[in-house]
């Protein structure tokens, strides 16, 4: 759906997310992504509403922090996201992603500690 909308609306678009009753901006134009994440990152923060809502899931990790803390975490992780490294990790992501899928399928209708699952998935993939 996101890819279809990106093509239809020329990369960037805003969509309502019914399940959370909010809107999200989807930025997929490579130049805009670079501008937001690299060139002018100081001007694009998540704000307290988002960081508070997401804290129980993401804690103080890269997906939920702003400013210099985000920059430091991004620089620390940047070597993992080079093209050649990503190509090598695809098989690992798929394998461990299937394990996560099995775990979640076995717990349908039950409470699940997603932070623990994401933590283990990250360690299995990156560790």
PDB file of N, CA and C in Angstrom:
ATOM      1  N   UNK A   1       0.816  -1.186   0.000  1.00  0.00           N
ATOM      2  CA  UNK A   1       0.000   0.000   0.000  1.00  0.00           C
ATOM      3  C   UNK A   1       0.866   1.258   0.000  1.00  0.00           C
ATOM      4  N   UNK A   2       1.892   1.272   0.835  1.00  0.00           N
ATOM      5  CA  UNK A   2       2.763   2.441   0.916  1.00  0.00           C
ATOM      6  C   UNK A   2       3.475   2.661  -0.420  1.00  0.00           C
ATOM      7  N   UNK A   3       3.973   1.594  -1.022  1.00  0.00           N
ATOM      8  CA  UNK A   3       4.653   1.712  -2.314  1.00  0.00           C
ATOM      9  C   UNK A   3       3.691   2.231  -3.378  1.00  0.00           C
ATOM     10  N   UNK A   4       2.475   1.693  -3.400  1.00  0.00           N
ATOM     11  CA  UNK A   4       1.472   2.155  -4.369  1.00  0.00           C
ATOM     12  C   UNK A   4       1.182   3.646  -4.200  1.00  0.00           C
ATOM     13  N   UNK A   5       0.996   4.083  -2.962  1.00  0.00           N
ATOM     14  CA  UNK A   5       0.728   5.502  -2.704  1.00  0.00           C
ATOM     15  C   UNK A   5       1.935   6.365  -3.072  1.00  0.00           C
ATOM     16  N   UNK A   6       3.130   5.884  -2.762  1.00  0.00           N
ATOM     17  CA  UNK A   6       4.336   6.649  -3.093  1.00  0.00           C
ATOM     18  C   UNK A   6       4.440   6.864  -4.603  1.00  0.00           C
ATOM     19  N   UNK A   7       4.127   5.830  -5.370  1.00  0.00           N
ATOM     20  CA  UNK A   7       4.171   5.968  -6.825  1.00  0.00           C
ATOM     21  C   UNK A   7       3.056   6.889  -7.318  1.00  0.00           C
ATOM     22  N   UNK A   8       1.874   6.736  -6.758  1.00  0.00           N
ATOM     23  CA  UNK A   8       0.732   7.538  -7.194  1.00  0.00           C
ATOM     24  C   UNK A   8       0.917   9.018  -6.854  1.00  0.00           C
ATOM     25  N   UNK A   9       1.437   9.296  -5.652  1.00  0.00           N
ATOM     26  CA  UNK A   9       1.564  10.675  -5.187  1.00  0.00           C
ATOM     27  C   UNK A   9       2.997  11.209  -5.297  1.00  0.00           C
ATOM     28  N   UNK A  10       3.804  10.569  -6.112  1.00  0.00           N
ATOM     29  CA  UNK A  10       5.166  11.028  -6.383  1.00  0.00           C
ATOM     30  C   UNK A  10       6.013  11.091  -5.119  1.00  0.00           C
ATOM     31  N   UNK A  11       6.142   9.975  -4.448  1.00  0.00           N
ATOM     32  CA  UNK A  11       7.011   9.733  -3.305  1.00  0.00           C
ATOM     33  C   UNK A  11       6.450  10.123  -1.949  1.00  0.00           C
ATOM     34  N   UNK A  12       6.064  11.357  -1.731  1.00  0.00           N
ATOM     35  CA  UNK A  12       5.683  11.794  -0.398  1.00  0.00           C
ATOM     36  C   UNK A  12       4.176  11.989  -0.311  1.00  0.00           C
ATOM     37  N   UNK A  13       3.593  11.527   0.792  1.00  0.00           N
ATOM     38  CA  UNK A  13       2.157  11.688   0.969  1.00  0.00           C
ATOM     39  C   UNK A  13       1.797  11.617   2.448  1.00  0.00           C
ATOM     40  N   UNK A  14       0.594  12.051   2.765  1.00  0.00           N
ATOM     41  CA  UNK A  14       0.067  12.041   4.136  1.00  0.00           C
ATOM     42  C   UNK A  14      -1.154  11.142   4.142  1.00  0.00           C
ATOM     43  N   UNK A  15      -1.250  10.287   5.151  1.00  0.00           N
ATOM     44  CA  UNK A  15      -2.378   9.356   5.208  1.00  0.00           C
ATOM     45  C   UNK A  15      -2.900   9.247   6.627  1.00  0.00           C
ATOM     46  N   UNK A  16      -4.205   9.054   6.735  1.00  0.00           N
ATOM     47  CA  UNK A  16      -4.828   8.833   8.028  1.00  0.00           C
ATOM     48  C   UNK A  16      -4.643   7.389   8.447  1.00  0.00           C
ATOM     49  N   UNK A  17      -4.255   7.202   9.688  1.00  0.00           N
ATOM     50  CA  UNK A  17      -4.083   5.860  10.235  1.00  0.00           C
ATOM     51  C   UNK A  17      -5.270   5.585  11.153  1.00  0.00           C
ATOM     52  N   UNK A  18      -6.239   4.878  10.628  1.00  0.00           N
ATOM     53  CA  UNK A  18      -7.514   4.676  11.311  1.00  0.00           C
ATOM     54  C   UNK A  18      -7.325   4.037  12.682  1.00  0.00           C
ATOM     55  N   UNK A  19      -6.438   3.059  12.778  1.00  0.00           N
ATOM     56  CA  UNK A  19      -6.283   2.315  14.031  1.00  0.00           C
ATOM     57  C   UNK A  19      -5.709   3.139  15.169  1.00  0.00           C
ATOM     58  N   UNK A  20      -5.049   4.259  14.892  1.00  0.00           N
ATOM     59  CA  UNK A  20      -4.543   5.136  15.954  1.00  0.00           C
ATOM     60  C   UNK A  20      -5.172   6.521  15.905  1.00  0.00           C
ATOM     61  N   UNK A  21      -6.080   6.735  14.961  1.00  0.00           N
ATOM     62  CA  UNK A  21      -6.809   7.998  14.816  1.00  0.00           C
ATOM     63  C   UNK A  21      -5.870   9.193  14.674  1.00  0.00           C
ATOM     64  N   UNK A  22      -4.825   9.017  13.892  1.00  0.00           N
ATOM     65  CA  UNK A  22      -3.875  10.087  13.637  1.00  0.00           C
ATOM     66  C   UNK A  22      -3.443  10.030  12.182  1.00  0.00           C
ATOM     67  N   UNK A  23      -2.689  11.033  11.766  1.00  0.00           N
ATOM     68  CA  UNK A  23      -2.138  11.080  10.416  1.00  0.00           C
ATOM     69  C   UNK A  23      -0.645  10.821  10.462  1.00  0.00           C
ATOM     70  N   UNK A  24      -0.133  10.300   9.373  1.00  0.00           N
ATOM     71  CA  UNK A  24       1.305  10.073   9.251  1.00  0.00           C
ATOM     72  C   UNK A  24       1.776  10.611   7.913  1.00  0.00           C
ATOM     73  N   UNK A  25       2.962  11.166   7.916  1.00  0.00           N
ATOM     74  CA  UNK A  25       3.593  11.613   6.673  1.00  0.00           C
ATOM     75  C   UNK A  25       4.556  10.516   6.229  1.00  0.00           C
ATOM     76  N   UNK A  26       4.412  10.075   4.993  1.00  0.00           N
ATOM     77  CA  UNK A  26       5.284   9.055   4.428  1.00  0.00           C
ATOM     78  C   UNK A  26       6.223   9.742   3.445  1.00  0.00           C
ATOM     79  N   UNK A  27       7.512   9.692   3.743  1.00  0.00           N
ATOM     80  CA  UNK A  27       8.532  10.334   2.913  1.00  0.00           C
ATOM     81  C   UNK A  27       9.350   9.219   2.281  1.00  0.00           C
ATOM     82  N   UNK A  28       9.257   9.081   0.962  1.00  0.00           N
ATOM     83  CA  UNK A  28       9.995   8.019   0.287  1.00  0.00           C
ATOM     84  C   UNK A  28      10.913   8.531  -0.816  1.00  0.00           C
ATOM     85  N   UNK A  29      10.860   9.815  -1.106  1.00  0.00           N
ATOM     86  CA  UNK A  29      11.762  10.384  -2.098  1.00  0.00           C
ATOM     87  C   UNK A  29      13.181  10.340  -1.523  1.00  0.00           C
ATOM     88  N   UNK A  30      14.118   9.697  -2.209  1.00  0.00           N
ATOM     89  CA  UNK A  30      15.482   9.545  -1.665  1.00  0.00           C
ATOM     90  C   UNK A  30      16.147  10.861  -1.263  1.00  0.00           C
ATOM     91  N   UNK A  31      15.955  11.911  -2.044  1.00  0.00           N
ATOM     92  CA  UNK A  31      16.565  13.198  -1.695  1.00  0.00           C
ATOM     93  C   UNK A  31      15.939  13.782  -0.434  1.00  0.00           C
ATOM     94  N   UNK A  32      14.633  13.625  -0.288  1.00  0.00           N
ATOM     95  CA  UNK A  32      13.963  14.127   0.913  1.00  0.00           C
ATOM     96  C   UNK A  32      14.366  13.324   2.146  1.00  0.00           C
ATOM     97  N   UNK A  33      14.502  12.020   1.997  1.00  0.00           N
ATOM     98  CA  UNK A  33      14.930  11.174   3.112  1.00  0.00           C
ATOM     99  C   UNK A  33      16.328  11.590   3.567  1.00  0.00           C
ATOM    100  N   UNK A  34      17.231  11.799   2.613  1.00  0.00           N
ATOM    101  CA  UNK A  34      18.586  12.234   2.968  1.00  0.00           C
ATOM    102  C   UNK A  34      18.555  13.591   3.669  1.00  0.00           C
ATOM    103  N   UNK A  35      17.724  14.503   3.181  1.00  0.00           N
ATOM    104  CA  UNK A  35      17.612  15.823   3.788  1.00  0.00           C
ATOM    105  C   UNK A  35      17.143  15.721   5.236  1.00  0.00           C
ATOM    106  N   UNK A  36      16.163  14.862   5.476  1.00  0.00           N
ATOM    107  CA  UNK A  36      15.600  14.730   6.824  1.00  0.00           C
ATOM    108  C   UNK A  36      16.544  13.977   7.755  1.00  0.00           C
ATOM    109  N   UNK A  37      17.147  12.887   7.281  1.00  0.00           N
ATOM    110  CA  UNK A  37      17.952  12.034   8.151  1.00  0.00           C
ATOM    111  C   UNK A  37      19.427  12.413   8.233  1.00  0.00           C
ATOM    112  N   UNK A  38      19.908  13.201   7.276  1.00  0.00           N
ATOM    113  CA  UNK A  38      21.339  13.502   7.263  1.00  0.00           C
ATOM    114  C   UNK A  38      21.636  14.996   7.251  1.00  0.00           C
ATOM    115  N   UNK A  39      21.126  15.686   6.246  1.00  0.00           N
ATOM    116  CA  UNK A  39      21.483  17.084   6.040  1.00  0.00           C
ATOM    117  C   UNK A  39      20.900  18.021   7.091  1.00  0.00           C
ATOM    118  N   UNK A  40      19.634  17.838   7.435  1.00  0.00           N
ATOM    119  CA  UNK A  40      18.948  18.793   8.305  1.00  0.00           C
ATOM    120  C   UNK A  40      18.211  18.083   9.444  1.00  0.00           C
ATOM    121  N   UNK A  41      18.819  17.035   9.986  1.00  0.00           N
ATOM    122  CA  UNK A  41      18.161  16.199  10.985  1.00  0.00           C
ATOM    123  C   UNK A  41      17.761  16.948  12.247  1.00  0.00           C
ATOM    124  N   UNK A  42      18.460  18.034  12.601  1.00  0.00           N
ATOM    125  CA  UNK A  42      18.139  18.760  13.837  1.00  0.00           C
ATOM    126  C   UNK A  42      16.725  19.341  13.824  1.00  0.00           C
ATOM    127  N   UNK A  43      16.203  19.640  12.641  1.00  0.00           N
ATOM    128  CA  UNK A  43      14.884  20.268  12.531  1.00  0.00           C
ATOM    129  C   UNK A  43      13.729  19.278  12.444  1.00  0.00           C
ATOM    130  N   UNK A  44      14.009  18.001  12.508  1.00  0.00           N
ATOM    131  CA  UNK A  44      12.962  16.993  12.385  1.00  0.00           C
ATOM    132  C   UNK A  44      12.993  16.085  13.617  1.00  0.00           C
ATOM    133  N   UNK A  45      12.232  16.459  14.631  1.00  0.00           N
ATOM    134  CA  UNK A  45      12.168  15.602  15.808  1.00  0.00           C
ATOM    135  C   UNK A  45      10.763  15.018  15.954  1.00  0.00           C
ATOM    136  N   UNK A  46      10.654  14.025  16.796  1.00  0.00           N
ATOM    137  CA  UNK A  46       9.398  13.297  16.938  1.00  0.00           C
ATOM    138  C   UNK A  46       8.397  14.008  17.840  1.00  0.00           C
ATOM    139  N   UNK A  47       8.866  14.833  18.719  1.00  0.00           N
ATOM    140  CA  UNK A  47       7.978  15.527  19.646  1.00  0.00           C
ATOM    141  C   UNK A  47       7.622  14.643  20.835  1.00  0.00           C
ATOM    142  N   UNK A  48       7.189  15.287  21.915  1.00  0.00           N
ATOM    143  CA  UNK A  48       6.930  14.546  23.154  1.00  0.00           C
ATOM    144  C   UNK A  48       5.731  13.600  23.036  1.00  0.00           C
ATOM    145  N   UNK A  49       4.733  13.956  22.240  1.00  0.00           N
ATOM    146  CA  UNK A  49       3.565  13.076  22.113  1.00  0.00           C
ATOM    147  C   UNK A  49       3.976  11.716  21.576  1.00  0.00           C
ATOM    148  N   UNK A  50       4.752  11.698  20.516  1.00  0.00           N
ATOM    149  CA  UNK A  50       5.171  10.441  19.905  1.00  0.00           C
ATOM    150  C   UNK A  50       6.138   9.687  20.811  1.00  0.00           C
ATOM    151  N   UNK A  51       7.140  10.383  21.371  1.00  0.00           N
ATOM    152  CA  UNK A  51       8.112   9.670  22.199  1.00  0.00           C
ATOM    153  C   UNK A  51       7.466   9.098  23.454  1.00  0.00           C
ATOM    154  N   UNK A  52       6.502   9.797  24.030  1.00  0.00           N
ATOM    155  CA  UNK A  52       5.815   9.262  25.205  1.00  0.00           C
ATOM    156  C   UNK A  52       4.960   8.043  24.842  1.00  0.00           C
ATOM    157  N   UNK A  53       4.233   8.125  23.724  1.00  0.00           N
ATOM    158  CA  UNK A  53       3.403   7.002  23.304  1.00  0.00           C
ATOM    159  C   UNK A  53       4.235   5.764  22.977  1.00  0.00           C
ATOM    160  N   UNK A  54       5.404   5.970  22.399  1.00  0.00           N
ATOM    161  CA  UNK A  54       6.228   4.859  21.942  1.00  0.00           C
ATOM    162  C   UNK A  54       7.259   4.381  22.954  1.00  0.00           C
ATOM    163  N   UNK A  55       7.350   5.044  24.098  1.00  0.00           N
ATOM    164  CA  UNK A  55       8.420   4.715  25.046  1.00  0.00           C
ATOM    165  C   UNK A  55       8.349   3.274  25.545  1.00  0.00           C
ATOM    166  N   UNK A  56       7.172   2.774  25.802  1.00  0.00           N
ATOM    167  CA  UNK A  56       7.086   1.403  26.318  1.00  0.00           C
ATOM    168  C   UNK A  56       7.549   0.376  25.289  1.00  0.00           C
ATOM    169  N   UNK A  57       7.475   0.724  24.005  1.00  0.00           N
ATOM    170  CA  UNK A  57       7.911  -0.191  22.955  1.00  0.00           C
ATOM    171  C   UNK A  57       9.370   0.026  22.577  1.00  0.00           C
ATOM    172  N   UNK A  58       9.775   1.289  22.370  1.00  0.00           N
ATOM    173  CA  UNK A  58      11.113   1.577  21.873  1.00  0.00           C
ATOM    174  C   UNK A  58      12.082   2.095  22.927  1.00  0.00           C
ATOM    175  N   UNK A  59      11.587   2.437  24.118  1.00  0.00           N
ATOM    176  CA  UNK A  59      12.457   2.954  25.164  1.00  0.00           C
ATOM    177  C   UNK A  59      13.185   4.203  24.691  1.00  0.00           C
ATOM    178  N   UNK A  60      14.487   4.256  24.965  1.00  0.00           N
ATOM    179  CA  UNK A  60      15.313   5.390  24.547  1.00  0.00           C
ATOM    180  C   UNK A  60      16.216   5.001  23.384  1.00  0.00           C
ATOM    181  N   UNK A  61      15.705   4.122  22.534  1.00  0.00           N
ATOM    182  CA  UNK A  61      16.464   3.675  21.371  1.00  0.00           C
ATOM    183  C   UNK A  61      16.370   4.651  20.217  1.00  0.00           C
ATOM    184  N   UNK A  62      17.064   4.346  19.156  1.00  0.00           N
ATOM    185  CA  UNK A  62      17.208   5.227  18.001  1.00  0.00           C
ATOM    186  C   UNK A  62      15.872   5.636  17.391  1.00  0.00           C
ATOM    187  N   UNK A  63      14.856   4.776  17.486  1.00  0.00           N
ATOM    188  CA  UNK A  63      13.565   5.085  16.874  1.00  0.00           C
ATOM    189  C   UNK A  63      12.709   6.007  17.731  1.00  0.00           C
ATOM    190  N   UNK A  64      13.181   6.343  18.934  1.00  0.00           N
ATOM    191  CA  UNK A  64      12.335   7.118  19.832  1.00  0.00           C
ATOM    192  C   UNK A  64      13.058   8.269  20.516  1.00  0.00           C
ATOM    193  N   UNK A  65      14.205   8.680  19.991  1.00  0.00           N
ATOM    194  CA  UNK A  65      14.932   9.797  20.587  1.00  0.00           C
ATOM    195  C   UNK A  65      15.179  10.873  19.540  1.00  0.00           C
ATOM    196  N   UNK A  66      15.581  12.033  19.994  1.00  0.00           N
ATOM    197  CA  UNK A  66      15.821  13.182  19.130  1.00  0.00           C
ATOM    198  C   UNK A  66      17.209  13.756  19.390  1.00  0.00           C
ATOM    199  N   UNK A  67      17.572  14.722  18.569  1.00  0.00           N
ATOM    200  CA  UNK A  67      18.771  15.521  18.801  1.00  0.00           C
ATOM    201  C   UNK A  67      20.058  14.732  18.816  1.00  0.00           C
ATOM    202  N   UNK A  68      20.951  15.146  19.714  1.00  0.00           N
ATOM    203  CA  UNK A  68      22.279  14.541  19.756  1.00  0.00           C
ATOM    204  C   UNK A  68      22.251  13.071  20.144  1.00  0.00           C
ATOM    205  N   UNK A  69      21.298  12.673  20.974  1.00  0.00           N
ATOM    206  CA  UNK A  69      21.193  11.258  21.331  1.00  0.00           C
ATOM    207  C   UNK A  69      20.861  10.434  20.091  1.00  0.00           C
ATOM    208  N   UNK A  70      19.928  10.925  19.267  1.00  0.00           N
ATOM    209  CA  UNK A  70      19.602  10.239  18.009  1.00  0.00           C
ATOM    210  C   UNK A  70      20.825  10.218  17.093  1.00  0.00           C
ATOM    211  N   UNK A  71      21.514  11.338  16.958  1.00  0.00           N
ATOM    212  CA  UNK A  71      22.685  11.430  16.080  1.00  0.00           C
ATOM    213  C   UNK A  71      23.764  10.443  16.506  1.00  0.00           C
ATOM    214  N   UNK A  72      24.025  10.375  17.798  1.00  0.00           N
ATOM    215  CA  UNK A  72      25.041   9.448  18.302  1.00  0.00           C
ATOM    216  C   UNK A  72      24.654   7.991  17.998  1.00  0.00           C
ATOM    217  N   UNK A  73      23.393   7.639  18.255  1.00  0.00           N
ATOM    218  CA  UNK A  73      22.951   6.271  17.996  1.00  0.00           C
ATOM    219  C   UNK A  73      22.985   5.961  16.498  1.00  0.00           C
ATOM    220  N   UNK A  74      22.613   6.932  15.678  1.00  0.00           N
ATOM    221  CA  UNK A  74      22.635   6.735  14.224  1.00  0.00           C
ATOM    222  C   UNK A  74      24.061   6.526  13.740  1.00  0.00           C
ATOM    223  N   UNK A  75      24.990   7.325  14.228  1.00  0.00           N
ATOM    224  CA  UNK A  75      26.388   7.163  13.825  1.00  0.00           C
ATOM    225  C   UNK A  75      26.935   5.809  14.275  1.00  0.00           C
ATOM    226  N   UNK A  76      26.556   5.385  15.475  1.00  0.00           N
ATOM    227  CA  UNK A  76      27.017   4.091  15.976  1.00  0.00           C
ATOM    228  C   UNK A  76      26.509   2.939  15.126  1.00  0.00           C
ATOM    229  N   UNK A  77      25.297   3.068  14.634  1.00  0.00           N
ATOM    230  CA  UNK A  77      24.682   1.986  13.858  1.00  0.00           C
ATOM    231  C   UNK A  77      24.916   2.102  12.356  1.00  0.00           C
ATOM    232  N   UNK A  78      25.469   3.216  11.904  1.00  0.00           N
ATOM    233  CA  UNK A  78      25.538   3.472  10.456  1.00  0.00           C
ATOM    234  C   UNK A  78      26.323   2.417   9.691  1.00  0.00           C
ATOM    235  N   UNK A  79      27.362   1.831  10.303  1.00  0.00           N
ATOM    236  CA  UNK A  79      28.143   0.836   9.584  1.00  0.00           C
ATOM    237  C   UNK A  79      27.302  -0.396   9.241  1.00  0.00           C
ATOM    238  N   UNK A  80      26.247  -0.645  10.023  1.00  0.00           N
ATOM    239  CA  UNK A  80      25.381  -1.796   9.759  1.00  0.00           C
ATOM    240  C   UNK A  80      24.532  -1.611   8.516  1.00  0.00           C
ATOM    241  N   UNK A  81      24.318  -0.373   8.091  1.00  0.00           N
ATOM    242  CA  UNK A  81      23.365  -0.098   7.031  1.00  0.00           C
ATOM    243  C   UNK A  81      24.011   0.261   5.691  1.00  0.00           C
ATOM    244  N   UNK A  82      25.246  -0.118   5.490  1.00  0.00           N
ATOM    245  CA  UNK A  82      25.883   0.022   4.188  1.00  0.00           C
ATOM    246  C   UNK A  82      25.297  -1.043   3.267  1.00  0.00           C
ATOM    247  N   UNK A  83      25.286  -0.792   1.970  1.00  0.00           N
ATOM    248  CA  UNK A  83      24.630  -1.689   1.004  1.00  0.00           C
ATOM    249  C   UNK A  83      25.149  -3.116   1.106  1.00  0.00           C
ATOM    250  N   UNK A  84      26.453  -3.296   1.117  1.00  0.00           N
ATOM    251  CA  UNK A  84      27.002  -4.663   1.162  1.00  0.00           C
ATOM    252  C   UNK A  84      26.639  -5.383   2.452  1.00  0.00           C
ATOM    253  N   UNK A  85      26.680  -4.668   3.564  1.00  0.00           N
ATOM    254  CA  UNK A  85      26.314  -5.282   4.840  1.00  0.00           C
ATOM    255  C   UNK A  85      24.837  -5.667   4.851  1.00  0.00           C
ATOM    256  N   UNK A  86      23.994  -4.802   4.282  1.00  0.00           N
ATOM    257  CA  UNK A  86      22.553  -5.111   4.238  1.00  0.00           C
ATOM    258  C   UNK A  86      22.273  -6.330   3.380  1.00  0.00           C
ATOM    259  N   UNK A  87      22.967  -6.467   2.262  1.00  0.00           N
ATOM    260  CA  UNK A  87      22.784  -7.638   1.396  1.00  0.00           C
ATOM    261  C   UNK A  87      23.089  -8.922   2.168  1.00  0.00           C
ATOM    262  N   UNK A  88      24.141  -8.896   2.956  1.00  0.00           N
ATOM    263  CA  UNK A  88      24.528 -10.073   3.733  1.00  0.00           C
ATOM    264  C   UNK A  88      23.528 -10.385   4.838  1.00  0.00           C
ATOM    265  N   UNK A  89      22.859  -9.358   5.345  1.00  0.00           N
ATOM    266  CA  UNK A  89      21.941  -9.562   6.469  1.00  0.00           C
ATOM    267  C   UNK A  89      20.553 -10.035   6.060  1.00  0.00           C
ATOM    268  N   UNK A  90      20.212  -9.951   4.793  1.00  0.00           N
ATOM    269  CA  UNK A  90      18.854 -10.289   4.361  1.00  0.00           C
ATOM    270  C   UNK A  90      18.456 -11.688   4.804  1.00  0.00           C
ATOM    271  N   UNK A  91      19.329 -12.664   4.585  1.00  0.00           N
ATOM    272  CA  UNK A  91      19.024 -14.046   4.976  1.00  0.00           C
ATOM    273  C   UNK A  91      18.804 -14.145   6.482  1.00  0.00           C
ATOM    274  N   UNK A  92      19.629 -13.449   7.244  1.00  0.00           N
ATOM    275  CA  UNK A  92      19.495 -13.462   8.701  1.00  0.00           C
ATOM    276  C   UNK A  92      18.167 -12.845   9.123  1.00  0.00           C
ATOM    277  N   UNK A  93      17.802 -11.718   8.522  1.00  0.00           N
ATOM    278  CA  UNK A  93      16.529 -11.072   8.845  1.00  0.00           C
ATOM    279  C   UNK A  93      15.349 -11.985   8.539  1.00  0.00           C
ATOM    280  N   UNK A  94      15.394 -12.634   7.399  1.00  0.00           N
ATOM    281  CA  UNK A  94      14.293 -13.522   7.010  1.00  0.00           C
ATOM    282  C   UNK A  94      14.185 -14.682   7.985  1.00  0.00           C
ATOM    283  N   UNK A  95      15.309 -15.298   8.297  1.00  0.00           N
ATOM    284  CA  UNK A  95      15.304 -16.440   9.219  1.00  0.00           C
ATOM    285  C   UNK A  95      14.737 -16.054  10.577  1.00  0.00           C
ATOM    286  N   UNK A  96      15.258 -14.994  11.156  1.00  0.00           N
ATOM    287  CA  UNK A  96      14.800 -14.585  12.485  1.00  0.00           C
ATOM    288  C   UNK A  96      13.409 -13.968  12.442  1.00  0.00           C
ATOM    289  N   UNK A  97      13.060 -13.340  11.338  1.00  0.00           N
ATOM    290  CA  UNK A  97      11.696 -12.828  11.175  1.00  0.00           C
ATOM    291  C   UNK A  97      10.674 -13.953  11.210  1.00  0.00           C
ATOM    292  N   UNK A  98      11.017 -15.067  10.601  1.00  0.00           N
ATOM    293  CA  UNK A  98      10.123 -16.237  10.636  1.00  0.00           C
ATOM    294  C   UNK A  98      10.001 -16.786  12.059  1.00  0.00           C
ATOM    295  N   UNK A  99      11.095 -16.735  12.814  1.00  0.00           N
ATOM    296  CA  UNK A  99      11.037 -17.173  14.209  1.00  0.00           C
ATOM    297  C   UNK A  99      10.105 -16.269  15.020  1.00  0.00           C
ATOM    298  N   UNK A 100      10.188 -14.963  14.786  1.00  0.00           N
ATOM    299  CA  UNK A 100       9.298 -14.022  15.470  1.00  0.00           C
ATOM    300  C   UNK A 100       7.853 -14.310  15.077  1.00  0.00           C
ATOM    301  N   UNK A 101       7.624 -14.558  13.806  1.00  0.00           N
ATOM    302  CA  UNK A 101       6.274 -14.890  13.333  1.00  0.00           C
ATOM    303  C   UNK A 101       5.739 -16.136  14.035  1.00  0.00           C
ATOM    304  N   UNK A 102       6.574 -17.148  14.208  1.00  0.00           N
ATOM    305  CA  UNK A 102       6.153 -18.366  14.911  1.00  0.00           C
ATOM    306  C   UNK A 102       5.822 -18.076  16.372  1.00  0.00           C
ATOM    307  N   UNK A 103       6.644 -17.264  17.017  1.00  0.00           N
ATOM    308  CA  UNK A 103       6.400 -16.908  18.417  1.00  0.00           C
ATOM    309  C   UNK A 103       5.061 -16.194  18.551  1.00  0.00           C
ATOM    310  N   UNK A 104       4.831 -15.202  17.696  1.00  0.00           N
ATOM    311  CA  UNK A 104       3.593 -14.431  17.777  1.00  0.00           C
ATOM    312  C   UNK A 104       2.382 -15.287  17.426  1.00  0.00           C
ATOM    313  N   UNK A 105       2.519 -16.168  16.450  1.00  0.00           N
ATOM    314  CA  UNK A 105       1.412 -17.058  16.076  1.00  0.00           C
ATOM    315  C   UNK A 105       1.032 -17.983  17.224  1.00  0.00           C
ATOM    316  N   UNK A 106       2.020 -18.411  17.999  1.00  0.00           N
ATOM    317  CA  UNK A 106       1.748 -19.314  19.115  1.00  0.00           C
ATOM    318  C   UNK A 106       1.102 -18.600  20.301  1.00  0.00           C
ATOM    319  N   UNK A 107       1.091 -17.266  20.280  1.00  0.00           N
ATOM    320  CA  UNK A 107       0.556 -16.500  21.403  1.00  0.00           C
ATOM    321  C   UNK A 107      -0.687 -15.705  21.027  1.00  0.00           C
ATOM    322  N   UNK A 108      -1.373 -16.111  19.975  1.00  0.00           N
ATOM    323  CA  UNK A 108      -2.591 -15.402  19.565  1.00  0.00           C
ATOM    324  C   UNK A 108      -3.579 -15.324  20.719  1.00  0.00           C
ATOM    325  N   UNK A 109      -4.113 -14.147  20.951  1.00  0.00           N
ATOM    326  CA  UNK A 109      -5.079 -13.939  22.016  1.00  0.00           C
ATOM    327  C   UNK A 109      -4.462 -13.759  23.390  1.00  0.00           C
ATOM    328  N   UNK A 110      -3.135 -13.806  23.485  1.00  0.00           N
ATOM    329  CA  UNK A 110      -2.443 -13.650  24.763  1.00  0.00           C
ATOM    330  C   UNK A 110      -1.635 -12.354  24.752  1.00  0.00           C
ATOM    331  N   UNK A 111      -1.336 -11.867  25.933  1.00  0.00           N
ATOM    332  CA  UNK A 111      -0.494 -10.687  26.058  1.00  0.00           C
ATOM    333  C   UNK A 111       0.937 -11.057  25.701  1.00  0.00           C
ATOM    334  N   UNK A 112       1.597 -10.176  24.936  1.00  0.00           N
ATOM    335  CA  UNK A 112       2.951 -10.451  24.468  1.00  0.00           C
ATOM    336  C   UNK A 112       3.847  -9.272  24.815  1.00  0.00           C
ATOM    337  N   UNK A 113       5.022  -9.563  25.338  1.00  0.00           N
ATOM    338  CA  UNK A 113       6.011  -8.528  25.634  1.00  0.00           C
ATOM    339  C   UNK A 113       6.781  -8.248  24.347  1.00  0.00           C
ATOM    340  N   UNK A 114       6.288  -7.288  23.558  1.00  0.00           N
ATOM    341  CA  UNK A 114       6.891  -6.995  22.263  1.00  0.00           C
ATOM    342  C   UNK A 114       8.293  -6.413  22.406  1.00  0.00           C
ATOM    343  N   UNK A 115       8.537  -5.668  23.478  1.00  0.00           N
ATOM    344  CA  UNK A 115       9.868  -5.099  23.663  1.00  0.00           C
ATOM    345  C   UNK A 115      10.902  -6.212  23.809  1.00  0.00           C
ATOM    346  N   UNK A 116      10.554  -7.261  24.550  1.00  0.00           N
ATOM    347  CA  UNK A 116      11.457  -8.396  24.701  1.00  0.00           C
ATOM    348  C   UNK A 116      11.680  -9.097  23.363  1.00  0.00           C
ATOM    349  N   UNK A 117      10.606  -9.298  22.604  1.00  0.00           N
ATOM    350  CA  UNK A 117      10.729  -9.964  21.298  1.00  0.00           C
ATOM    351  C   UNK A 117      11.585  -9.129  20.349  1.00  0.00           C
ATOM    352  N   UNK A 118      11.338  -7.811  20.276  1.00  0.00           N
ATOM    353  CA  UNK A 118      12.130  -6.957  19.397  1.00  0.00           C
ATOM    354  C   UNK A 118      13.595  -6.918  19.847  1.00  0.00           C
ATOM    355  N   UNK A 119      13.804  -6.907  21.159  1.00  0.00           N
ATOM    356  CA  UNK A 119      15.170  -6.896  21.686  1.00  0.00           C
ATOM    357  C   UNK A 119      15.905  -8.165  21.258  1.00  0.00           C
ATOM    358  N   UNK A 120      15.254  -9.312  21.436  1.00  0.00           N
ATOM    359  CA  UNK A 120      15.883 -10.580  21.046  1.00  0.00           C
ATOM    360  C   UNK A 120      16.104 -10.647  19.536  1.00  0.00           C
ATOM    361  N   UNK A 121      15.113 -10.182  18.756  1.00  0.00           N
ATOM    362  CA  UNK A 121      15.234 -10.181  17.297  1.00  0.00           C
ATOM    363  C   UNK A 121      16.433  -9.327  16.874  1.00  0.00           C
ATOM    364  N   UNK A 122      16.576  -8.154  17.486  1.00  0.00           N
ATOM    365  CA  UNK A 122      17.680  -7.267  17.154  1.00  0.00           C
ATOM    366  C   UNK A 122      19.014  -7.912  17.493  1.00  0.00           C
ATOM    367  N   UNK A 123      19.106  -8.507  18.673  1.00  0.00           N
ATOM    368  CA  UNK A 123      20.356  -9.161  19.058  1.00  0.00           C
ATOM    369  C   UNK A 123      20.663 -10.347  18.146  1.00  0.00           C
ATOM    370  N   UNK A 124      19.655 -11.122  17.804  1.00  0.00           N
ATOM    371  CA  UNK A 124      19.871 -12.258  16.917  1.00  0.00           C
ATOM    372  C   UNK A 124      20.332 -11.813  15.533  1.00  0.00           C
ATOM    373  N   UNK A 125      19.779 -10.731  15.044  1.00  0.00           N
ATOM    374  CA  UNK A 125      20.127 -10.244  13.704  1.00  0.00           C
ATOM    375  C   UNK A 125      21.452  -9.480  13.668  1.00  0.00           C
ATOM    376  N   UNK A 126      21.702  -8.684  14.669  1.00  0.00           N
ATOM    377  CA  UNK A 126      22.866  -7.806  14.638  1.00  0.00           C
ATOM    378  C   UNK A 126      24.035  -8.343  15.452  1.00  0.00           C
ATOM    379  N   UNK A 127      23.747  -9.218  16.394  1.00  0.00           N
ATOM    380  CA  UNK A 127      24.781  -9.668  17.330  1.00  0.00           C
ATOM    381  C   UNK A 127      25.723 -10.702  16.778  1.00  0.00           C
TER     382      UNK A 127
END
